[in-house]
Protein backbone atom coordinates (compact mmCIF):
# COMPACT_ATOMS: atom_id res chain seq x y z
CA UNK A 1 69.34 180.97 84.68
CA UNK A 2 68.70 183.24 81.78
CA UNK A 3 65.83 182.00 79.22
CA UNK A 4 65.35 181.95 75.33
CA UNK A 5 63.77 181.83 72.43
CA UNK A 6 64.95 179.81 69.80
CA UNK A 7 63.52 178.93 66.47
CA UNK A 8 63.90 175.46 64.68
CA UNK A 9 61.49 174.58 61.44
CA UNK A 10 59.61 176.88 62.02
CA UNK A 11 58.15 176.73 65.20
CA UNK A 12 59.88 178.34 68.74
CA UNK A 13 60.87 176.76 71.39
CA UNK A 14 61.69 178.23 75.33
CA UNK A 15 65.15 177.19 76.72
CA UNK A 16 66.92 178.19 80.13
CA UNK A 17 70.15 178.17 79.87
CA UNK A 18 73.69 179.58 82.42
CA UNK A 19 73.70 183.49 82.29
CA UNK A 20 75.98 184.25 79.88
CA UNK A 21 75.67 181.09 77.54
CA UNK A 22 72.59 182.68 75.37
CA UNK A 23 74.37 183.93 72.19
CA UNK A 24 76.16 180.45 72.32
CA UNK A 25 72.17 178.03 72.76
CA UNK A 26 71.65 180.37 70.20
CA UNK A 27 74.23 179.76 67.86
CA UNK A 28 73.99 175.76 68.68
CA UNK A 29 70.04 175.85 67.47
CA UNK A 30 70.65 177.71 64.88
CA UNK A 31 73.04 175.53 63.24
CA UNK A 32 70.93 172.74 64.33
CA UNK A 33 67.80 174.25 62.15
CA UNK A 34 70.42 175.09 59.41
CA UNK A 35 70.55 170.98 59.30
CA UNK A 36 66.80 170.72 59.65
CA UNK A 37 66.67 173.65 56.25
CA UNK A 38 68.96 171.34 54.78
CA UNK A 39 67.77 167.93 54.83
CA UNK A 40 63.78 169.93 53.83
CA UNK A 41 66.55 170.60 50.98
CA UNK A 42 67.19 167.61 50.06
CA UNK A 43 64.54 165.12 51.36
CA UNK A 44 60.90 167.32 50.81
CA UNK A 45 58.89 167.34 53.64
CA UNK A 46 59.11 164.48 55.30
CA UNK A 47 58.13 164.85 59.00
CA UNK A 48 59.17 167.36 61.75
CA UNK A 49 60.32 164.24 63.91
CA UNK A 50 62.21 162.09 61.40
CA UNK A 51 63.32 165.93 60.11
CA UNK A 52 64.66 165.79 63.96
CA UNK A 53 65.90 162.21 63.98
CA UNK A 54 67.97 162.51 61.36
CA UNK A 55 69.78 166.40 62.03
CA UNK A 56 69.68 164.30 65.41
CA UNK A 57 72.35 161.93 63.72
CA UNK A 58 73.88 164.03 61.72
CA UNK A 59 75.12 166.09 65.15
CA UNK A 60 75.82 162.48 66.49
CA UNK A 61 77.95 160.94 63.18
CA UNK A 62 79.82 165.07 63.35
CA UNK A 63 80.22 164.51 67.29
CA UNK A 64 81.60 161.01 67.26
CA UNK A 65 84.20 161.70 64.26
CA UNK A 66 85.44 164.80 66.42
CA UNK A 67 85.52 162.44 68.90
CA UNK A 68 87.89 159.90 66.60
CA UNK A 69 90.24 162.77 65.25
CA UNK A 70 90.87 163.73 69.16
CA UNK A 71 91.36 160.15 70.34
CA UNK A 72 93.96 160.47 66.89
CA UNK A 73 95.72 163.65 68.31
CA UNK A 74 96.09 162.67 71.55
CA UNK A 75 97.98 159.67 70.83
CA UNK A 76 99.84 161.37 68.56
CA UNK A 77 100.48 163.75 71.53
CA UNK A 78 101.49 161.09 73.47
CA UNK A 79 104.28 160.01 71.65
CA UNK A 80 105.94 163.18 70.78
CA UNK A 81 105.94 163.52 74.75
CA UNK A 82 107.40 160.27 74.89
CA UNK A 83 109.91 160.88 72.13
CA UNK A 84 110.28 164.28 73.77
CA UNK A 85 111.53 162.64 77.00
CA UNK A 86 113.57 160.68 75.23
CA UNK A 87 114.61 162.86 73.38
CA UNK A 88 116.05 164.97 76.88
CA UNK A 89 117.21 161.88 78.29
CA UNK A 90 119.68 161.61 75.47
CA UNK A 91 120.87 164.60 75.88
CA UNK A 92 120.75 164.19 79.66
CA UNK A 93 123.82 161.41 78.84
CA UNK A 94 125.15 163.28 76.64
CA UNK A 95 126.05 166.06 78.55
CA UNK A 96 126.94 163.96 80.79
CA UNK A 97 129.82 161.87 78.89
CA UNK A 98 130.14 165.33 77.17
CA UNK A 99 131.19 166.88 80.80
CA UNK A 100 133.07 163.34 81.90
CA UNK A 101 135.32 163.10 78.34
CA UNK A 102 135.88 167.24 79.04
CA UNK A 103 137.46 166.56 82.78
CA UNK A 104 139.73 163.30 81.85
CA UNK A 105 141.01 165.62 78.81
CA UNK A 106 141.36 168.80 82.27
CA UNK A 107 142.69 166.25 83.71
CA UNK A 108 145.51 164.69 80.86
CA UNK A 109 145.98 168.01 80.12
CA UNK A 110 147.17 168.73 83.43
CA UNK A 111 149.17 166.07 83.81
CA UNK A 112 150.61 166.74 80.31
CA UNK A 113 151.89 170.32 81.48
CA UNK A 114 153.52 168.89 84.88
CA UNK A 115 155.63 167.32 82.51
CA UNK A 116 156.78 169.45 81.12
CA UNK A 117 157.13 171.80 83.75
CA UNK A 118 159.23 169.40 85.59
CA UNK A 119 161.08 168.89 82.28
CA UNK A 120 161.57 172.52 82.01
CA UNK A 121 162.66 172.80 85.62
CA UNK A 122 165.44 169.45 85.06
CA UNK A 123 166.15 170.79 81.91
CA UNK A 124 167.17 174.34 83.66
CA UNK A 125 169.02 172.41 86.73
CA UNK A 126 171.74 170.82 84.18
């Protein structure tokens, strides 16, 4: 388990993370610190705890919005998959109908060819 130090609102915090996750955690801490900096710029010094709570609410708001977007995209994907299955089913039915029509046409052509051949043979006999 790796140990890193992050700075949020001018204070250093020692944190543990899985090996290889150090940069990711440092990036997340930097992002959170940026939100606190933005809040400080907008509201001034209103207290560390209040800034942290407000930044946490901002993060939760973004997470909530992303969850809604993911849910909507999952619904759209499910609908697209349903439409794809319907289209594939229709394609399969059309291929079967075409195959039957070709078979029927081939049988009809063979029948006509047999009739023509018989007609030619009978006219050759006479």
